[in-house]
């Protein structure tokens, strides 16, 4: 199986490395030469362009920050046109359902298209513990599932684009929880509860969540997890808001999450780490959420 891979960022590079470690022949491209070199050092083959990475492969994977980057790679850089008959393109980007359907309609005859956004953070990508939400026809999903399982658990969500709907719903819930945990920590600390005790109680109660277990240590350590930026959080929240327009009801929790992340972005800048949404509360309340511990950064776990 020959694989092309474009997009060697915080998530893409560790996913690529896992495929190389699984003995697949992986041809890679990224706009950052240092990322391509890092992939080469692990056994990947460098391509000179996205189009070259897409040519003469059985499976083409893209892992990019934004929908517009997917369009640039697939249309402007002509990667889509280079895909051969019977090849499969799987987009790992958190993307727009409409864009994927449009690009699939423009694909050469015989090319199958799946969307498969991922969740599980950088440590999940490094250790093959991601969850992949796959949208597309069942036969094509079955063909690529053994390969994608090198990256984590595969969940078939339905037709093309449904993988992104599911991913955005999971992010919708994550953003609400991430915005809320800073409020919870601040409320407990300001009323006399020691942070370590409060955290333990949250994890052993109805307040438990992925955010409490996985993300809180990034707040305690004070780096707030720079592997994902506030700008990307708001990009996803914009996509979530688009999906929410299909709901015939008000969604106040989602609206509040948009407001919380926007306040953090406006104060700390678009490139600030995602959990600055909690730091904003910390700074305004003039309290510290530092907690001593062996907090391994997610990008090293």
Protein backbone atom coordinates (compact mmCIF):
# COMPACT_ATOMS: atom_id res chain seq x y z
CA UNK A 1 0.00 0.00 0.00
CA UNK A 2 1.50 3.31 -1.13
CA UNK A 3 0.42 6.30 0.95
CA UNK A 4 0.71 10.04 0.31
CA UNK A 5 0.51 12.38 3.30
CA UNK A 6 0.22 16.17 3.22
CA UNK A 7 0.20 18.24 6.41
CA UNK A 8 2.89 17.43 8.97
CA UNK A 9 1.78 19.67 11.83
CA UNK A 10 1.30 18.90 15.51
CA UNK A 11 -1.12 16.08 14.66
CA UNK A 12 -0.07 15.14 11.14
CA UNK A 13 3.59 14.42 11.84
CA UNK A 14 3.01 11.90 14.65
CA UNK A 15 0.28 10.21 12.60
CA UNK A 16 2.66 9.96 9.66
CA UNK A 17 5.35 8.49 11.89
CA UNK A 18 2.97 5.78 13.07
CA UNK A 19 2.20 4.76 9.49
CA UNK A 20 5.90 4.59 8.67
CA UNK A 21 6.48 2.50 11.81
CA UNK A 22 3.74 0.14 10.57
CA UNK A 23 5.92 -0.45 7.48
CA UNK A 24 3.83 1.48 4.98
CA UNK A 25 5.58 3.39 2.20
CA UNK A 26 4.65 7.00 2.95
CA UNK A 27 5.38 9.92 0.61
CA UNK A 28 5.09 13.27 2.40
CA UNK A 29 4.84 17.00 1.77
CA UNK A 30 4.52 20.06 3.98
CA UNK A 31 5.19 23.75 3.46
CA UNK A 32 7.69 23.62 6.34
CA UNK A 33 10.90 21.88 5.18
CA UNK A 34 11.84 21.01 8.77
CA UNK A 35 8.64 18.97 9.12
CA UNK A 36 9.45 17.04 5.95
CA UNK A 37 12.96 16.38 7.25
CA UNK A 38 11.54 15.12 10.54
CA UNK A 39 9.33 12.68 8.63
CA UNK A 40 12.26 11.61 6.42
CA UNK A 41 14.33 10.91 9.51
CA UNK A 42 11.70 8.36 10.50
CA UNK A 43 11.67 6.69 7.07
CA UNK A 44 9.17 8.69 5.00
CA UNK A 45 9.89 9.72 1.40
CA UNK A 46 9.91 13.45 0.59
CA UNK A 47 7.78 14.81 -2.24
CA UNK A 48 8.45 18.17 -3.87
CA UNK A 49 4.81 19.26 -3.86
CA UNK A 50 1.36 18.28 -2.68
CA UNK A 51 0.55 17.13 -6.21
CA UNK A 52 3.59 14.85 -6.25
CA UNK A 53 2.60 13.41 -2.87
CA UNK A 54 -0.83 12.58 -4.34
CA UNK A 55 0.47 10.93 -7.49
CA UNK A 56 0.96 7.17 -7.81
CA UNK A 57 -0.44 6.34 -4.38
CA UNK A 58 -3.24 4.04 -3.26
CA UNK A 59 -4.23 6.16 -0.29
CA UNK A 60 -3.86 9.93 0.08
CA UNK A 61 -4.17 11.57 3.49
CA UNK A 62 -4.47 15.27 4.30
CA UNK A 63 -4.17 16.73 7.80
CA UNK A 64 -4.45 20.50 7.62
CA UNK A 65 -5.45 23.35 9.95
CA UNK A 66 -8.41 24.82 8.06
CA UNK A 67 -10.93 24.07 5.29
CA UNK A 68 -9.37 26.73 3.06
CA UNK A 69 -6.03 24.91 3.32
CA UNK A 70 -7.70 21.71 2.10
CA UNK A 71 -9.10 23.56 -0.92
CA UNK A 72 -5.66 25.08 -1.61
CA UNK A 73 -3.96 21.67 -1.51
CA UNK A 74 -6.58 19.76 -3.46
CA UNK A 75 -7.55 22.38 -6.09
CA UNK A 76 -4.96 25.15 -6.26
CA UNK A 77 -2.00 22.77 -5.86
CA UNK A 78 -3.76 20.17 -8.05
CA UNK A 79 -3.41 17.26 -5.66
CA UNK A 80 -6.97 16.12 -6.40
CA UNK A 81 -6.28 15.96 -10.13
CA UNK A 82 -3.22 13.78 -9.53
CA UNK A 83 -5.12 11.02 -7.75
CA UNK A 84 -5.32 7.86 -9.81
CA UNK A 85 -8.34 5.67 -10.51
CA UNK A 86 -9.16 3.34 -7.62
CA UNK A 87 -7.21 5.49 -5.14
CA UNK A 88 -8.77 6.79 -1.93
CA UNK A 89 -8.49 10.27 -0.44
CA UNK A 90 -9.09 10.50 3.32
CA UNK A 91 -9.20 14.01 4.77
CA UNK A 92 -8.16 14.03 8.44
CA UNK A 93 -8.84 17.76 8.78
CA UNK A 94 -11.66 19.18 10.89
CA UNK A 95 -13.50 20.47 7.87
CA UNK A 96 -16.79 21.67 6.35
CA UNK A 97 -19.20 18.99 5.19
CA UNK A 98 -20.19 21.07 2.14
CA UNK A 99 -16.59 21.53 1.02
CA UNK A 100 -15.90 17.80 1.19
CA UNK A 101 -18.97 16.98 -0.88
CA UNK A 102 -17.95 19.63 -3.43
CA UNK A 103 -14.38 18.33 -3.70
CA UNK A 104 -15.58 14.74 -3.96
CA UNK A 105 -17.72 15.76 -6.95
CA UNK A 106 -14.59 17.20 -8.59
CA UNK A 107 -12.46 14.09 -8.01
CA UNK A 108 -11.25 12.10 -11.02
CA UNK A 109 -13.34 9.10 -12.03
CA UNK A 110 -12.80 6.13 -9.76
CA UNK A 111 -11.40 8.12 -6.80
CA UNK A 112 -13.20 7.49 -3.50
CA UNK A 113 -13.36 10.20 -0.82
CA UNK A 114 -13.76 9.85 2.95
CA UNK A 115 -13.65 12.38 5.74
CA UNK A 116 -12.00 11.25 8.96
CA UNK A 117 -11.32 14.05 11.43
CA UNK A 118 -9.56 12.87 14.58
CA UNK A 119 -9.74 13.55 18.30
CA UNK A 120 -7.43 12.65 21.16
CA UNK A 121 -4.80 15.43 21.21
CA UNK A 122 -1.10 15.21 20.36
CA UNK A 123 -0.41 12.42 22.87
CA UNK A 124 -3.18 10.37 21.24
CA UNK A 125 -1.54 10.91 17.85
CA UNK A 126 1.89 9.91 19.16
CA UNK A 127 0.63 6.76 20.85
CA UNK A 128 -2.02 5.54 18.39
CA UNK A 129 -4.90 6.34 20.74
CA UNK A 130 -6.87 8.73 18.57
CA UNK A 131 -10.52 8.31 17.70
CA UNK A 132 -11.22 8.72 13.98
CA UNK A 133 -14.72 9.74 12.89
CA UNK A 134 -15.10 8.43 9.34
CA UNK A 135 -17.75 9.49 6.84
CA UNK A 136 -18.26 7.78 3.49
CA UNK A 137 -19.48 4.57 1.89
CA UNK A 138 -19.07 1.41 3.94
CA UNK A 139 -17.06 -0.50 1.32
CA UNK A 140 -14.39 2.19 1.11
CA UNK A 141 -14.28 2.57 4.88
CA UNK A 142 -13.67 -1.17 5.19
CA UNK A 143 -10.71 -0.92 2.80
CA UNK A 144 -8.91 1.78 4.76
CA UNK A 145 -9.91 0.76 8.28
CA UNK A 146 -6.93 -1.59 8.86
CA UNK A 147 -4.58 1.28 7.94
CA UNK A 148 -6.38 3.92 9.98
CA UNK A 149 -6.43 1.62 13.00
CA UNK A 150 -2.69 2.23 13.29
CA UNK A 151 -3.75 5.70 14.44
CA UNK A 152 -6.53 4.69 16.83
CA UNK A 153 -10.16 3.63 17.05
CA UNK A 154 -12.25 4.01 13.88
CA UNK A 155 -15.95 4.92 14.11
CA UNK A 156 -17.98 4.90 10.88
CA UNK A 157 -20.43 7.80 11.26
CA UNK A 158 -22.43 7.56 8.00
CA UNK A 159 -22.14 9.21 4.61
CA UNK A 160 -19.48 11.63 3.44
CA UNK A 161 -19.22 14.62 5.77
CA UNK A 162 -20.83 12.97 8.78
CA UNK A 163 -17.41 12.34 10.29
CA UNK A 164 -16.97 16.09 10.53
CA UNK A 165 -20.42 16.59 12.03
CA UNK A 166 -19.58 14.09 14.78
CA UNK A 167 -16.12 15.61 15.34
CA UNK A 168 -17.57 19.09 15.66
CA UNK A 169 -20.22 17.90 18.13
CA UNK A 170 -17.49 16.36 20.30
CA UNK A 171 -15.54 19.62 20.08
CA UNK A 172 -18.71 21.55 20.90
CA UNK A 173 -18.93 19.65 24.19
CA UNK A 174 -15.18 19.97 24.79
CA UNK A 175 -15.21 23.76 24.35
CA UNK A 176 -18.09 24.12 26.79
CA UNK A 177 -16.26 21.96 29.34
CA UNK A 178 -12.93 23.75 28.80
CA UNK A 179 -14.57 27.12 29.34
CA UNK A 180 -16.37 25.85 32.43
CA UNK A 181 -13.48 24.18 34.25
CA UNK A 182 -11.68 27.48 34.83
CA UNK A 183 -14.86 28.84 36.37
CA UNK A 184 -15.14 25.79 38.62
CA UNK A 185 -11.51 26.00 39.76
CA UNK A 186 -11.86 29.73 40.44
CA UNK A 187 -15.08 29.26 42.42
CA UNK A 188 -13.56 26.55 44.63
CA UNK A 189 -10.24 28.35 45.23
CA UNK A 190 -11.97 31.66 46.02
CA UNK A 191 -14.07 29.93 48.66
CA UNK A 192 -11.24 28.26 50.53
CA UNK A 193 -10.79 24.85 48.84
CA UNK A 194 -7.24 23.70 48.02
CA UNK A 195 -6.86 23.14 44.26
CA UNK A 196 -5.49 19.59 44.53
CA UNK A 197 -8.41 18.55 46.72
CA UNK A 198 -10.88 20.21 44.38
CA UNK A 199 -9.39 18.47 41.33
CA UNK A 200 -9.52 15.06 42.99
CA UNK A 201 -13.14 15.62 44.00
CA UNK A 202 -14.09 16.67 40.46
CA UNK A 203 -12.57 13.50 38.98
CA UNK A 204 -14.48 11.34 41.48
CA UNK A 205 -17.84 12.99 40.88
CA UNK A 206 -20.42 13.96 38.28
CA UNK A 207 -18.05 16.80 37.36
CA UNK A 208 -15.57 14.37 35.78
CA UNK A 209 -14.64 14.82 32.11
CA UNK A 210 -11.84 14.45 29.57
CA UNK A 211 -11.06 18.10 30.24
CA UNK A 212 -10.70 17.46 33.98
CA UNK A 213 -8.41 14.46 33.50
CA UNK A 214 -6.44 15.30 30.36
CA UNK A 215 -6.42 19.09 30.12
CA UNK A 216 -6.35 20.33 33.72
CA UNK A 217 -2.65 19.42 34.19
CA UNK A 218 -1.81 21.90 31.39
CA UNK A 219 -3.45 24.60 33.51
CA UNK A 220 -1.61 23.42 36.62
CA UNK A 221 1.72 23.51 34.76
CA UNK A 222 1.04 27.00 33.43
CA UNK A 223 1.67 26.32 29.74
CA UNK A 224 -2.06 25.93 28.90
CA UNK A 225 -1.26 23.41 26.08
CA UNK A 226 0.21 25.32 23.12
CA UNK A 227 -0.27 22.31 20.81
CA UNK A 228 -3.66 23.84 19.88
CA UNK A 229 -4.22 27.59 19.57
CA UNK A 230 -7.13 29.83 20.51
CA UNK A 231 -7.38 30.71 16.81
CA UNK A 232 -8.02 27.07 15.91
CA UNK A 233 -10.51 26.76 18.76
CA UNK A 234 -12.48 29.67 17.31
CA UNK A 235 -12.18 28.21 13.80
CA UNK A 236 -13.89 25.05 15.05
CA UNK A 237 -16.43 27.06 17.02
CA UNK A 238 -17.28 28.89 13.79
CA UNK A 239 -17.91 25.57 12.05
CA UNK A 240 -19.98 24.42 15.02
CA UNK A 241 -22.04 27.62 14.84
CA UNK A 242 -22.73 26.88 11.15
CA UNK A 243 -24.04 23.42 12.07
CA UNK A 244 -26.10 24.92 14.87
CA UNK A 245 -28.09 26.95 12.38
CA UNK A 246 -29.77 23.68 11.38
CA UNK A 247 -31.15 23.34 14.91
CA UNK A 248 -34.54 24.91 15.47
CA UNK A 249 -33.70 26.01 19.01
CA UNK A 250 -31.40 28.39 20.86
CA UNK A 251 -27.99 26.95 21.87
CA UNK A 252 -26.88 29.17 24.77
CA UNK A 253 -24.03 26.93 25.97
CA UNK A 254 -22.37 26.99 22.56
CA UNK A 255 -22.84 30.74 22.34
CA UNK A 256 -21.25 31.16 25.78
CA UNK A 257 -18.26 29.04 24.73
CA UNK A 258 -17.74 31.26 21.66
CA UNK A 259 -17.81 34.32 23.92
CA UNK A 260 -15.36 32.79 26.43
CA UNK A 261 -12.80 31.79 23.79
CA UNK A 262 -13.20 35.13 21.99
CA UNK A 263 -12.41 37.02 25.22
CA UNK A 264 -9.29 34.88 25.71
CA UNK A 265 -8.20 35.39 22.08
CA UNK A 266 -8.73 39.15 22.27
CA UNK A 267 -6.62 39.38 25.42
CA UNK A 268 -3.78 36.93 24.76
CA UNK A 269 -3.67 36.77 20.96
CA UNK A 270 -4.78 34.22 18.39
CA UNK A 271 -1.66 32.06 18.77
CA UNK A 272 -2.00 31.68 22.55
CA UNK A 273 -2.54 28.16 23.91
CA UNK A 274 -6.10 26.83 24.01
CA UNK A 275 -6.49 26.78 27.80
CA UNK A 276 -5.89 30.51 28.09
CA UNK A 277 -9.68 30.37 28.26
CA UNK A 278 -9.04 29.39 31.92
CA UNK A 279 -6.10 31.77 32.38
CA UNK A 280 -8.37 34.73 31.62
CA UNK A 281 -10.46 33.82 34.68
CA UNK A 282 -7.32 33.17 36.72
CA UNK A 283 -5.93 36.61 35.88
CA UNK A 284 -9.20 38.48 36.41
CA UNK A 285 -9.77 36.78 39.78
CA UNK A 286 -6.12 37.35 40.80
CA UNK A 287 -5.70 33.71 41.85
CA UNK A 288 -3.18 31.01 40.94
CA UNK A 289 -4.09 27.69 39.39
CA UNK A 290 -0.54 26.32 39.65
CA UNK A 291 -0.33 22.92 41.26
CA UNK A 292 2.85 21.01 41.98
CA UNK A 293 3.12 17.70 40.15
CA UNK A 294 4.90 15.75 37.45
CA UNK A 295 2.83 17.17 34.60
CA UNK A 296 4.15 15.63 31.39
CA UNK A 297 3.23 17.94 28.47
CA UNK A 298 0.80 16.27 26.01
CA UNK A 299 3.26 16.67 23.14
CA UNK A 300 5.80 14.57 25.08
CA UNK A 301 3.50 11.89 26.53
